[in-house]
Amino acid sequence: MSEPLLKTRIHRIEYAAEDVLTFDLRPPGGDLLPPFTAGAHIDVHMPQGVARSYSLLNHAQERHRYLIGIKREAAGRGGSAWMHDAAKVGALIDISAPRNNFTLVEDAAHSVLVAGGIGITPMWCMVQSLAALGRPWTLHFRARSRSSAPLLHELAQPGIAEHVHLGFSDEGAGRRLDWTRLVAQAPEGSHFYCCGPNAMIEAFEGACADVPPERVHVEHFAAKQAAAVEGGFAVRLARSGHELTVEPGQSILESLRACGVVVPSSCQQGVCGACETRVLAGRPDHRDLVLSQAEKDSGKTMMICCSGSHSKELVLDI
């Protein structure tokens, strides 16, 4: 069953960078919002039935508002365009409670943060938490240009700027990070975080290949592989007793919806975690970027928006 949505009002919309706006969302009655931790995101539910996930960028101690940054994606699926073109200050909009698949380890010996473009939004939330806790950290931020990079003013604040390393493509720096050096020179016991384009994350993961996996954390913008739509297997819903066949060309999520079964979802690419579902029997074909390899190997849970089945039947806890 889907969790109830939260109703918020768009309190303020501000220009943050080229093609980037920030949205200040607050409860209409002035109540406190559910708490969140650094790295969390919310799903924004738009009037046309579209839901999209966006990282929270304000300080995790704030309860009176959620602040998100949205980059207009010309090749996107319409969510960012609607937020840029149609969303208005004063309008009511439904959101989910925060979820966190990109959790900050607050007591780490050191935190190395790497962000590309709009990937700076969860990192800024992490920076504020680490600074407030007095924990050591460094941030490497890469963007196409200064004009396209949000939060530069915030990153230039005293006490913050000395920990930040910037690079811009149009100034000859771009994403040419010395990944090997970045990892090798990090203090012992460091945790490493990266949010940005898939190419950046691949380079980051390659450099961190010898780092214990529990100290390497990534958050993706988009899927790395196509969703499993080969179909040809059965799905049994343990709670309702309903059985269905996933036909070729359909995802499990689409098959459930076609039968009138309502389940939470947002990104439909396996990057947000909204549709995570317990698996009671069967062997999933994992295509998501949320679960760790150990979690995938256990076969106890899956993202039904993009993952399929290696077995003839899956039994789901729905």
C-alpha atoms as a PDB file:
ATOM      1  CA  MET A   1       0.000   0.000   0.000  1.00  0.00           C
ATOM      2  CA  SER A   2       1.266   3.454  -0.881  1.00  0.00           C
ATOM      3  CA  GLU A   3       2.252   5.767   1.944  1.00  0.00           C
ATOM      4  CA  PRO A   4       0.102   8.910   2.248  1.00  0.00           C
ATOM      5  CA  LEU A   5       1.446  11.953   0.453  1.00  0.00           C
ATOM      6  CA  LEU A   6       2.295  15.243   2.111  1.00  0.00           C
ATOM      7  CA  LYS A   7       0.672  18.428   0.869  1.00  0.00           C
ATOM      8  CA  THR A   8       3.031  21.381   0.582  1.00  0.00           C
ATOM      9  CA  ARG A   9       2.871  24.878  -0.831  1.00  0.00           C
ATOM     10  CA  ILE A  10       5.507  26.327  -3.131  1.00  0.00           C
ATOM     11  CA  HIS A  11       6.742  29.134  -0.906  1.00  0.00           C
ATOM     12  CA  ARG A  12       9.517  30.432  -3.152  1.00  0.00           C
ATOM     13  CA  ILE A  13      11.124  29.685  -6.538  1.00  0.00           C
ATOM     14  CA  GLU A  14      14.605  31.075  -7.158  1.00  0.00           C
ATOM     15  CA  TYR A  15      17.063  31.059 -10.024  1.00  0.00           C
ATOM     16  CA  ALA A  16      20.107  29.040  -8.935  1.00  0.00           C
ATOM     17  CA  ALA A  17      22.103  28.629 -12.157  1.00  0.00           C
ATOM     18  CA  GLU A  18      21.611  28.254 -15.879  1.00  0.00           C
ATOM     19  CA  ASP A  19      18.613  25.882 -16.286  1.00  0.00           C
ATOM     20  CA  VAL A  20      18.462  25.283 -12.513  1.00  0.00           C
ATOM     21  CA  LEU A  21      15.733  26.517 -10.154  1.00  0.00           C
ATOM     22  CA  THR A  22      15.369  25.928  -6.428  1.00  0.00           C
ATOM     23  CA  PHE A  23      11.950  25.269  -4.909  1.00  0.00           C
ATOM     24  CA  ASP A  24      11.147  26.022  -1.269  1.00  0.00           C
ATOM     25  CA  LEU A  25       8.295  23.704  -0.206  1.00  0.00           C
ATOM     26  CA  ARG A  26       6.443  24.310   3.085  1.00  0.00           C
ATOM     27  CA  PRO A  27       3.350  22.870   4.803  1.00  0.00           C
ATOM     28  CA  PRO A  28       0.309  25.106   4.190  1.00  0.00           C
ATOM     29  CA  GLY A  29      -0.568  25.216   7.886  1.00  0.00           C
ATOM     30  CA  GLY A  30       2.934  25.844   9.167  1.00  0.00           C
ATOM     31  CA  ASP A  31       3.323  22.372  10.691  1.00  0.00           C
ATOM     32  CA  LEU A  32       6.648  20.585  10.935  1.00  0.00           C
ATOM     33  CA  LEU A  33       7.659  18.289   8.108  1.00  0.00           C
ATOM     34  CA  PRO A  34       8.968  14.752   8.709  1.00  0.00           C
ATOM     35  CA  PRO A  35      12.661  14.712   9.652  1.00  0.00           C
ATOM     36  CA  PHE A  36      15.311  13.726   7.125  1.00  0.00           C
ATOM     37  CA  THR A  37      19.002  12.923   7.028  1.00  0.00           C
ATOM     38  CA  ALA A  38      21.721  14.201   4.699  1.00  0.00           C
ATOM     39  CA  GLY A  39      21.512  12.530   1.289  1.00  0.00           C
ATOM     40  CA  ALA A  40      17.730  12.053   1.395  1.00  0.00           C
ATOM     41  CA  HIS A  41      15.328  12.781  -1.446  1.00  0.00           C
ATOM     42  CA  ILE A  42      11.602  13.284  -1.899  1.00  0.00           C
ATOM     43  CA  ASP A  43       9.226  12.407  -4.734  1.00  0.00           C
ATOM     44  CA  VAL A  44       7.331  15.353  -6.191  1.00  0.00           C
ATOM     45  CA  HIS A  45       3.929  14.391  -7.600  1.00  0.00           C
ATOM     46  CA  MET A  46       2.889  16.628 -10.463  1.00  0.00           C
ATOM     47  CA  PRO A  47      -0.694  17.169 -11.700  1.00  0.00           C
ATOM     48  CA  GLN A  48      -0.235  15.138 -14.891  1.00  0.00           C
ATOM     49  CA  GLY A  49       0.352  11.957 -12.905  1.00  0.00           C
ATOM     50  CA  VAL A  50       4.142  12.181 -13.086  1.00  0.00           C
ATOM     51  CA  ALA A  51       6.312  11.675  -9.997  1.00  0.00           C
ATOM     52  CA  ARG A  52      10.010  12.546  -9.919  1.00  0.00           C
ATOM     53  CA  SER A  53      12.672  12.273  -7.215  1.00  0.00           C
ATOM     54  CA  TYR A  54      14.774  15.248  -6.119  1.00  0.00           C
ATOM     55  CA  SER A  55      17.478  15.469  -3.459  1.00  0.00           C
ATOM     56  CA  LEU A  56      16.955  17.676  -0.422  1.00  0.00           C
ATOM     57  CA  LEU A  57      19.628  20.353  -0.242  1.00  0.00           C
ATOM     58  CA  ASN A  58      18.780  22.301   2.896  1.00  0.00           C
ATOM     59  CA  HIS A  59      20.187  21.582   6.345  1.00  0.00           C
ATOM     60  CA  ALA A  60      18.831  18.333   7.764  1.00  0.00           C
ATOM     61  CA  GLN A  61      17.967  20.110  11.023  1.00  0.00           C
ATOM     62  CA  GLU A  62      15.321  22.189   9.244  1.00  0.00           C
ATOM     63  CA  ARG A  63      11.768  20.933   9.678  1.00  0.00           C
ATOM     64  CA  HIS A  64       9.773  23.908   8.413  1.00  0.00           C
ATOM     65  CA  ARG A  65      10.653  23.384   4.737  1.00  0.00           C
ATOM     66  CA  TYR A  66      12.151  21.124   2.105  1.00  0.00           C
ATOM     67  CA  LEU A  67      14.461  22.771  -0.411  1.00  0.00           C
ATOM     68  CA  ILE A  68      15.139  21.072  -3.756  1.00  0.00           C
ATOM     69  CA  GLY A  69      17.082  22.054  -6.864  1.00  0.00           C
ATOM     70  CA  ILE A  70      15.766  21.026 -10.280  1.00  0.00           C
ATOM     71  CA  LYS A  71      17.730  21.171 -13.514  1.00  0.00           C
ATOM     72  CA  ARG A  72      15.645  21.502 -16.658  1.00  0.00           C
ATOM     73  CA  GLU A  73      16.473  18.444 -18.754  1.00  0.00           C
ATOM     74  CA  ALA A  74      15.866  19.060 -22.448  1.00  0.00           C
ATOM     75  CA  ALA A  75      15.935  15.320 -23.153  1.00  0.00           C
ATOM     76  CA  GLY A  76      14.003  14.410 -20.001  1.00  0.00           C
ATOM     77  CA  ARG A  77      10.538  12.890 -19.619  1.00  0.00           C
ATOM     78  CA  GLY A  78       8.677  16.108 -18.843  1.00  0.00           C
ATOM     79  CA  GLY A  79       8.920  16.386 -15.058  1.00  0.00           C
ATOM     80  CA  SER A  80      11.628  19.037 -14.902  1.00  0.00           C
ATOM     81  CA  ALA A  81      10.040  20.977 -17.765  1.00  0.00           C
ATOM     82  CA  TRP A  82       6.723  21.133 -15.903  1.00  0.00           C
ATOM     83  CA  MET A  83       8.400  22.325 -12.721  1.00  0.00           C
ATOM     84  CA  HIS A  84      10.258  25.041 -14.632  1.00  0.00           C
ATOM     85  CA  ASP A  85       7.378  26.159 -16.847  1.00  0.00           C
ATOM     86  CA  ALA A  86       4.157  25.521 -14.930  1.00  0.00           C
ATOM     87  CA  ALA A  87       4.859  25.402 -11.193  1.00  0.00           C
ATOM     88  CA  LYS A  88       3.955  28.692  -9.498  1.00  0.00           C
ATOM     89  CA  VAL A  89       4.627  30.254  -6.113  1.00  0.00           C
ATOM     90  CA  GLY A  90       1.620  29.675  -3.887  1.00  0.00           C
ATOM     91  CA  ALA A  91       0.508  26.490  -5.628  1.00  0.00           C
ATOM     92  CA  LEU A  92      -0.113  23.322  -3.633  1.00  0.00           C
ATOM     93  CA  ILE A  93       1.880  20.239  -4.590  1.00  0.00           C
ATOM     94  CA  ASP A  94       2.002  16.717  -3.180  1.00  0.00           C
ATOM     95  CA  ILE A  95       5.268  15.108  -2.145  1.00  0.00           C
ATOM     96  CA  SER A  96       6.389  11.901  -0.489  1.00  0.00           C
ATOM     97  CA  ALA A  97       8.076  11.685   2.877  1.00  0.00           C
ATOM     98  CA  PRO A  98      11.888  11.668   2.578  1.00  0.00           C
ATOM     99  CA  ARG A  99      13.760   8.457   1.758  1.00  0.00           C
ATOM    100  CA  ASN A 100      17.514   7.982   1.876  1.00  0.00           C
ATOM    101  CA  ASN A 101      19.507   5.608  -0.324  1.00  0.00           C
ATOM    102  CA  PHE A 102      22.614   7.807  -0.070  1.00  0.00           C
ATOM    103  CA  THR A 103      23.161   8.034   3.655  1.00  0.00           C
ATOM    104  CA  LEU A 104      25.989  10.089   5.122  1.00  0.00           C
ATOM    105  CA  VAL A 105      28.140   8.265   7.681  1.00  0.00           C
ATOM    106  CA  GLU A 106      28.474  11.133  10.126  1.00  0.00           C
ATOM    107  CA  ASP A 107      31.238   9.650  12.302  1.00  0.00           C
ATOM    108  CA  ALA A 108      33.603   8.722   9.441  1.00  0.00           C
ATOM    109  CA  ALA A 109      37.281   9.579   9.872  1.00  0.00           C
ATOM    110  CA  HIS A 110      37.000  11.781   6.776  1.00  0.00           C
ATOM    111  CA  SER A 111      34.419  12.304   4.013  1.00  0.00           C
ATOM    112  CA  VAL A 112      35.425  12.814   0.370  1.00  0.00           C
ATOM    113  CA  LEU A 113      32.527  14.230  -1.635  1.00  0.00           C
ATOM    114  CA  VAL A 114      32.512  14.327  -5.456  1.00  0.00           C
ATOM    115  CA  ALA A 115      29.714  16.066  -7.359  1.00  0.00           C
ATOM    116  CA  GLY A 116      28.988  16.677 -11.022  1.00  0.00           C
ATOM    117  CA  GLY A 117      26.495  19.359 -12.082  1.00  0.00           C
ATOM    118  CA  ILE A 118      23.147  19.105 -10.301  1.00  0.00           C
ATOM    119  CA  GLY A 119      24.698  16.297  -8.237  1.00  0.00           C
ATOM    120  CA  ILE A 120      25.868  19.054  -5.899  1.00  0.00           C
ATOM    121  CA  THR A 121      22.414  19.203  -4.269  1.00  0.00           C
ATOM    122  CA  PRO A 122      22.718  16.201  -1.904  1.00  0.00           C
ATOM    123  CA  MET A 123      26.376  17.068  -1.330  1.00  0.00           C
ATOM    124  CA  TRP A 124      25.484  20.549  -0.057  1.00  0.00           C
ATOM    125  CA  CYS A 125      23.138  18.952   2.464  1.00  0.00           C
ATOM    126  CA  MET A 126      26.010  16.655   3.529  1.00  0.00           C
ATOM    127  CA  VAL A 127      28.438  19.569   3.774  1.00  0.00           C
ATOM    128  CA  GLN A 128      26.097  21.441   6.121  1.00  0.00           C
ATOM    129  CA  SER A 129      25.738  18.383   8.364  1.00  0.00           C
ATOM    130  CA  LEU A 130      29.478  17.681   8.457  1.00  0.00           C
ATOM    131  CA  ALA A 131      30.310  21.328   9.145  1.00  0.00           C
ATOM    132  CA  ALA A 132      27.766  21.493  11.973  1.00  0.00           C
ATOM    133  CA  LEU A 133      29.210  18.320  13.501  1.00  0.00           C
ATOM    134  CA  GLY A 134      32.797  19.536  13.134  1.00  0.00           C
ATOM    135  CA  ARG A 135      33.725  16.478  11.057  1.00  0.00           C
ATOM    136  CA  PRO A 136      36.534  16.625   8.436  1.00  0.00           C
ATOM    137  CA  TRP A 137      35.571  16.643   4.754  1.00  0.00           C
ATOM    138  CA  THR A 138      36.600  17.741   1.267  1.00  0.00           C
ATOM    139  CA  LEU A 139      34.391  18.436  -1.754  1.00  0.00           C
ATOM    140  CA  HIS A 140      35.333  18.156  -5.440  1.00  0.00           C
ATOM    141  CA  PHE A 141      32.714  19.853  -7.647  1.00  0.00           C
ATOM    142  CA  ARG A 142      32.804  19.734 -11.443  1.00  0.00           C
ATOM    143  CA  ALA A 143      30.437  21.527 -13.828  1.00  0.00           C
ATOM    144  CA  ARG A 144      30.289  22.669 -17.426  1.00  0.00           C
ATOM    145  CA  SER A 145      30.707  26.330 -16.465  1.00  0.00           C
ATOM    146  CA  ARG A 146      30.360  28.654 -13.500  1.00  0.00           C
ATOM    147  CA  SER A 147      27.078  29.942 -14.875  1.00  0.00           C
ATOM    148  CA  SER A 148      25.662  26.406 -14.919  1.00  0.00           C
ATOM    149  CA  ALA A 149      26.886  25.501 -11.418  1.00  0.00           C
ATOM    150  CA  PRO A 150      24.354  25.975  -8.585  1.00  0.00           C
ATOM    151  CA  LEU A 151      25.292  26.800  -4.994  1.00  0.00           C
ATOM    152  CA  LEU A 152      28.611  28.504  -5.788  1.00  0.00           C
ATOM    153  CA  HIS A 153      27.756  31.354  -3.433  1.00  0.00           C
ATOM    154  CA  GLU A 154      27.070  28.930  -0.592  1.00  0.00           C
ATOM    155  CA  LEU A 155      30.269  27.011  -1.294  1.00  0.00           C
ATOM    156  CA  ALA A 156      32.291  30.254  -1.102  1.00  0.00           C
ATOM    157  CA  GLN A 157      31.331  30.942   2.523  1.00  0.00           C
ATOM    158  CA  PRO A 158      34.120  31.228   5.109  1.00  0.00           C
ATOM    159  CA  GLY A 159      34.672  27.891   6.806  1.00  0.00           C
ATOM    160  CA  ILE A 160      33.397  26.092   3.700  1.00  0.00           C
ATOM    161  CA  ALA A 161      35.448  27.420   0.770  1.00  0.00           C
ATOM    162  CA  GLU A 162      38.768  26.082   2.061  1.00  0.00           C
ATOM    163  CA  HIS A 163      37.427  22.517   1.796  1.00  0.00           C
ATOM    164  CA  VAL A 164      36.073  22.920  -1.755  1.00  0.00           C
ATOM    165  CA  HIS A 165      37.876  22.168  -5.045  1.00  0.00           C
ATOM    166  CA  LEU A 166      36.111  23.482  -8.168  1.00  0.00           C
ATOM    167  CA  GLY A 167      36.596  22.628 -11.833  1.00  0.00           C
ATOM    168  CA  PHE A 168      34.784  23.895 -14.938  1.00  0.00           C
ATOM    169  CA  SER A 169      34.924  22.491 -18.466  1.00  0.00           C
ATOM    170  CA  ASP A 170      34.991  25.887 -20.153  1.00  0.00           C
ATOM    171  CA  GLU A 171      38.009  26.863 -18.044  1.00  0.00           C
ATOM    172  CA  GLY A 172      40.014  23.800 -19.030  1.00  0.00           C
ATOM    173  CA  ALA A 173      39.478  21.881 -15.781  1.00  0.00           C
ATOM    174  CA  GLY A 174      36.196  20.060 -16.340  1.00  0.00           C
ATOM    175  CA  ARG A 175      35.953  16.574 -14.946  1.00  0.00           C
ATOM    176  CA  ARG A 176      39.663  15.773 -15.262  1.00  0.00           C
ATOM    177  CA  LEU A 177      40.006  14.701 -11.691  1.00  0.00           C
ATOM    178  CA  ASP A 178      43.052  12.673 -10.780  1.00  0.00           C
ATOM    179  CA  TRP A 179      40.947   9.856  -9.419  1.00  0.00           C
ATOM    180  CA  THR A 180      43.862   7.684  -8.326  1.00  0.00           C
ATOM    181  CA  ARG A 181      45.415  10.545  -6.391  1.00  0.00           C
ATOM    182  CA  LEU A 182      42.065  11.565  -4.889  1.00  0.00           C
ATOM    183  CA  VAL A 183      41.621   8.111  -3.340  1.00  0.00           C
ATOM    184  CA  ALA A 184      45.277   7.501  -2.469  1.00  0.00           C
ATOM    185  CA  GLN A 185      45.707  10.802  -0.625  1.00  0.00           C
ATOM    186  CA  ALA A 186      42.487  10.530   1.400  1.00  0.00           C
ATOM    187  CA  PRO A 187      43.026   9.952   5.121  1.00  0.00           C
ATOM    188  CA  GLU A 188      42.830   6.371   6.302  1.00  0.00           C
ATOM    189  CA  GLY A 189      39.263   5.245   6.920  1.00  0.00           C
ATOM    190  CA  SER A 190      37.736   7.853   4.599  1.00  0.00           C
ATOM    191  CA  HIS A 191      34.269   7.383   3.154  1.00  0.00           C
ATOM    192  CA  PHE A 192      33.809   8.357  -0.500  1.00  0.00           C
ATOM    193  CA  TYR A 193      30.624   9.791  -2.032  1.00  0.00           C
ATOM    194  CA  CYS A 194      29.772  10.590  -5.652  1.00  0.00           C
ATOM    195  CA  CYS A 195      26.659  11.978  -7.327  1.00  0.00           C
ATOM    196  CA  GLY A 196      26.749  12.997 -10.968  1.00  0.00           C
ATOM    197  CA  PRO A 197      26.592  11.713 -14.540  1.00  0.00           C
ATOM    198  CA  ASN A 198      27.144   8.003 -15.114  1.00  0.00           C
ATOM    199  CA  ALA A 199      30.565   8.578 -16.718  1.00  0.00           C
ATOM    200  CA  MET A 200      31.772  10.366 -13.591  1.00  0.00           C
ATOM    201  CA  ILE A 201      30.394   7.637 -11.345  1.00  0.00           C
ATOM    202  CA  GLU A 202      32.074   4.914 -13.413  1.00  0.00           C
ATOM    203  CA  ALA A 203      35.446   6.664 -13.079  1.00  0.00           C
ATOM    204  CA  PHE A 204      34.830   7.150  -9.357  1.00  0.00           C
ATOM    205  CA  GLU A 205      33.925   3.492  -8.811  1.00  0.00           C
ATOM    206  CA  GLY A 206      36.979   2.392 -10.770  1.00  0.00           C
ATOM    207  CA  ALA A 207      39.246   4.497  -8.566  1.00  0.00           C
ATOM    208  CA  CYS A 208      37.556   3.097  -5.445  1.00  0.00           C
ATOM    209  CA  ALA A 209      37.821  -0.530  -6.566  1.00  0.00           C
ATOM    210  CA  ASP A 210      40.162  -1.416  -3.687  1.00  0.00           C
ATOM    211  CA  VAL A 211      38.242   0.554  -1.061  1.00  0.00           C
ATOM    212  CA  PRO A 212      35.946  -1.577   1.155  1.00  0.00           C
ATOM    213  CA  PRO A 213      32.473  -1.315  -0.419  1.00  0.00           C
ATOM    214  CA  GLU A 214      30.883  -0.103   2.815  1.00  0.00           C
ATOM    215  CA  ARG A 215      32.976   3.079   2.452  1.00  0.00           C
ATOM    216  CA  VAL A 216      31.942   3.822  -1.157  1.00  0.00           C
ATOM    217  CA  HIS A 217      28.593   5.547  -1.759  1.00  0.00           C
ATOM    218  CA  VAL A 218      27.016   6.621  -5.064  1.00  0.00           C
ATOM    219  CA  GLU A 219      23.769   8.155  -6.261  1.00  0.00           C
ATOM    220  CA  HIS A 220      22.813   8.063  -9.929  1.00  0.00           C
ATOM    221  CA  PHE A 221      20.733  10.452 -12.017  1.00  0.00           C
ATOM    222  CA  ALA A 222      19.592   7.818 -14.508  1.00  0.00           C
ATOM    223  CA  ALA A 223      19.723   4.119 -15.273  1.00  0.00           C
ATOM    224  CA  LYS A 224      22.831   2.485 -16.729  1.00  0.00           C
ATOM    225  CA  GLN A 225      20.981  -0.310 -18.516  1.00  0.00           C
ATOM    226  CA  ALA A 226      17.556  -0.885 -20.011  1.00  0.00           C
ATOM    227  CA  ALA A 227      14.706  -2.097 -17.855  1.00  0.00           C
ATOM    228  CA  ALA A 228      13.818  -5.791 -17.965  1.00  0.00           C
ATOM    229  CA  VAL A 229      10.815  -6.003 -20.293  1.00  0.00           C
ATOM    230  CA  GLU A 230      11.398  -9.469 -21.761  1.00  0.00           C
ATOM    231  CA  GLY A 231       8.396 -10.737 -19.805  1.00  0.00           C
ATOM    232  CA  GLY A 232       7.253 -14.341 -20.012  1.00  0.00           C
ATOM    233  CA  PHE A 233       7.052 -15.062 -16.283  1.00  0.00           C
ATOM    234  CA  ALA A 234       4.360 -15.130 -13.624  1.00  0.00           C
ATOM    235  CA  VAL A 235       4.012 -12.896 -10.591  1.00  0.00           C
ATOM    236  CA  ARG A 236       2.016 -13.968  -7.555  1.00  0.00           C
ATOM    237  CA  LEU A 237       0.996 -11.365  -4.992  1.00  0.00           C
ATOM    238  CA  ALA A 238       1.179 -13.044  -1.579  1.00  0.00           C
ATOM    239  CA  ARG A 239      -1.131 -10.669   0.310  1.00  0.00           C
ATOM    240  CA  SER A 240      -3.956 -10.478  -2.200  1.00  0.00           C
ATOM    241  CA  GLY A 241      -3.497 -13.890  -3.806  1.00  0.00           C
ATOM    242  CA  HIS A 242      -3.639 -12.250  -7.218  1.00  0.00           C
ATOM    243  CA  GLU A 243      -1.660 -13.885 -10.036  1.00  0.00           C
ATOM    244  CA  LEU A 244      -0.651 -12.348 -13.334  1.00  0.00           C
ATOM    245  CA  THR A 245       1.649 -12.893 -16.267  1.00  0.00           C
ATOM    246  CA  VAL A 246       4.201 -10.260 -17.211  1.00  0.00           C
ATOM    247  CA  GLU A 247       3.903 -10.014 -20.974  1.00  0.00           C
ATOM    248  CA  PRO A 248       6.830  -9.195 -23.284  1.00  0.00           C
ATOM    249  CA  GLY A 249       7.331  -5.446 -23.545  1.00  0.00           C
ATOM    250  CA  GLN A 250       6.086  -4.775 -20.016  1.00  0.00           C
ATOM    251  CA  SER A 251       7.835  -4.226 -16.705  1.00  0.00           C
ATOM    252  CA  ILE A 252       6.479  -5.797 -13.528  1.00  0.00           C
ATOM    253  CA  LEU A 253       5.276  -2.359 -12.432  1.00  0.00           C
ATOM    254  CA  GLU A 254       3.408  -1.790 -15.691  1.00  0.00           C
ATOM    255  CA  SER A 255       1.817  -5.241 -15.465  1.00  0.00           C
ATOM    256  CA  LEU A 256       0.612  -4.570 -11.932  1.00  0.00           C
ATOM    257  CA  ARG A 257      -0.851  -1.218 -12.912  1.00  0.00           C
ATOM    258  CA  ALA A 258      -2.625  -2.767 -15.880  1.00  0.00           C
ATOM    259  CA  CYS A 259      -4.369  -5.078 -13.405  1.00  0.00           C
ATOM    260  CA  GLY A 260      -5.354  -2.189 -11.142  1.00  0.00           C
ATOM    261  CA  VAL A 261      -2.719  -2.855  -8.477  1.00  0.00           C
ATOM    262  CA  VAL A 262      -1.427   0.448  -7.085  1.00  0.00           C
ATOM    263  CA  VAL A 263       2.165   0.438  -5.817  1.00  0.00           C
ATOM    264  CA  PRO A 264       4.545   3.324  -5.044  1.00  0.00           C
ATOM    265  CA  SER A 265       6.892   4.411  -7.823  1.00  0.00           C
ATOM    266  CA  SER A 266       8.707   7.509  -9.002  1.00  0.00           C
ATOM    267  CA  CYS A 267      11.732   7.398 -11.287  1.00  0.00           C
ATOM    268  CA  GLN A 268      10.798   4.154 -13.121  1.00  0.00           C
ATOM    269  CA  GLN A 269      14.522   3.701 -13.806  1.00  0.00           C
ATOM    270  CA  GLY A 270      15.670   1.945 -10.645  1.00  0.00           C
ATOM    271  CA  VAL A 271      17.514   4.898  -9.125  1.00  0.00           C
ATOM    272  CA  CYS A 272      15.146   6.231  -6.436  1.00  0.00           C
ATOM    273  CA  GLY A 273      14.065   3.165  -4.459  1.00  0.00           C
ATOM    274  CA  ALA A 274      10.370   4.110  -4.284  1.00  0.00           C
ATOM    275  CA  CYS A 275       9.133   0.791  -5.682  1.00  0.00           C
ATOM    276  CA  GLU A 276      11.326  -1.513  -3.570  1.00  0.00           C
ATOM    277  CA  THR A 277       9.359  -4.694  -2.908  1.00  0.00           C
ATOM    278  CA  ARG A 278      10.058  -7.757  -0.779  1.00  0.00           C
ATOM    279  CA  VAL A 279      10.588 -10.996  -2.717  1.00  0.00           C
ATOM    280  CA  LEU A 280       9.212 -14.104  -1.000  1.00  0.00           C
ATOM    281  CA  ALA A 281      10.132 -16.627  -3.711  1.00  0.00           C
ATOM    282  CA  GLY A 282      11.824 -16.645  -7.109  1.00  0.00           C
ATOM    283  CA  ARG A 283      15.056 -15.173  -8.476  1.00  0.00           C
ATOM    284  CA  PRO A 284      14.980 -11.505  -9.532  1.00  0.00           C
ATOM    285  CA  ASP A 285      16.850 -10.131 -12.533  1.00  0.00           C
ATOM    286  CA  HIS A 286      18.167  -6.974 -10.883  1.00  0.00           C
ATOM    287  CA  ARG A 287      18.567  -3.874 -13.090  1.00  0.00           C
ATOM    288  CA  ASP A 288      18.517  -1.145 -10.414  1.00  0.00           C
ATOM    289  CA  LEU A 289      21.230   1.174  -9.073  1.00  0.00           C
ATOM    290  CA  VAL A 290      19.954   1.301  -5.493  1.00  0.00           C
ATOM    291  CA  LEU A 291      20.619  -2.121  -3.967  1.00  0.00           C
ATOM    292  CA  SER A 292      24.141  -3.170  -3.032  1.00  0.00           C
ATOM    293  CA  GLN A 293      25.578  -6.293  -4.624  1.00  0.00           C
ATOM    294  CA  ALA A 294      25.090  -8.144  -1.353  1.00  0.00           C
ATOM    295  CA  GLU A 295      21.428  -7.110  -1.279  1.00  0.00           C
ATOM    296  CA  LYS A 296      20.967  -8.244  -4.864  1.00  0.00           C
ATOM    297  CA  ASP A 297      22.650 -11.563  -4.153  1.00  0.00           C
ATOM    298  CA  SER A 298      20.310 -12.169  -1.208  1.00  0.00           C
ATOM    299  CA  GLY A 299      17.287 -11.932  -3.515  1.00  0.00           C
ATOM    300  CA  LYS A 300      15.101 -10.661  -0.682  1.00  0.00           C
ATOM    301  CA  THR A 301      14.041  -7.407  -2.300  1.00  0.00           C
ATOM    302  CA  MET A 302      13.869  -5.809  -5.760  1.00  0.00           C
ATOM    303  CA  MET A 303      12.879  -2.694  -7.685  1.00  0.00           C
ATOM    304  CA  ILE A 304       9.856  -3.710  -9.728  1.00  0.00           C
ATOM    305  CA  CYS A 305       9.992  -0.698 -12.058  1.00  0.00           C
ATOM    306  CA  CYS A 306      13.048  -1.985 -13.895  1.00  0.00           C
ATOM    307  CA  SER A 307      13.970  -5.491 -12.689  1.00  0.00           C
ATOM    308  CA  GLY A 308      12.618  -8.752 -14.070  1.00  0.00           C
ATOM    309  CA  SER A 309      12.881 -12.419 -13.221  1.00  0.00           C
ATOM    310  CA  HIS A 310      15.316 -15.240 -13.885  1.00  0.00           C
ATOM    311  CA  SER A 311      12.720 -17.718 -12.609  1.00  0.00           C
ATOM    312  CA  LYS A 312       9.372 -18.724 -14.062  1.00  0.00           C
ATOM    313  CA  GLU A 313       7.565 -17.198 -11.086  1.00  0.00           C
ATOM    314  CA  LEU A 314       8.124 -14.449  -8.556  1.00  0.00           C
ATOM    315  CA  VAL A 315       6.184 -14.216  -5.326  1.00  0.00           C
ATOM    316  CA  LEU A 316       6.031 -10.637  -4.064  1.00  0.00           C
ATOM    317  CA  ASP A 317       4.968  -9.280  -0.695  1.00  0.00           C
ATOM    318  CA  ILE A 318       2.085  -7.266  -2.125  1.00  0.00           C
END
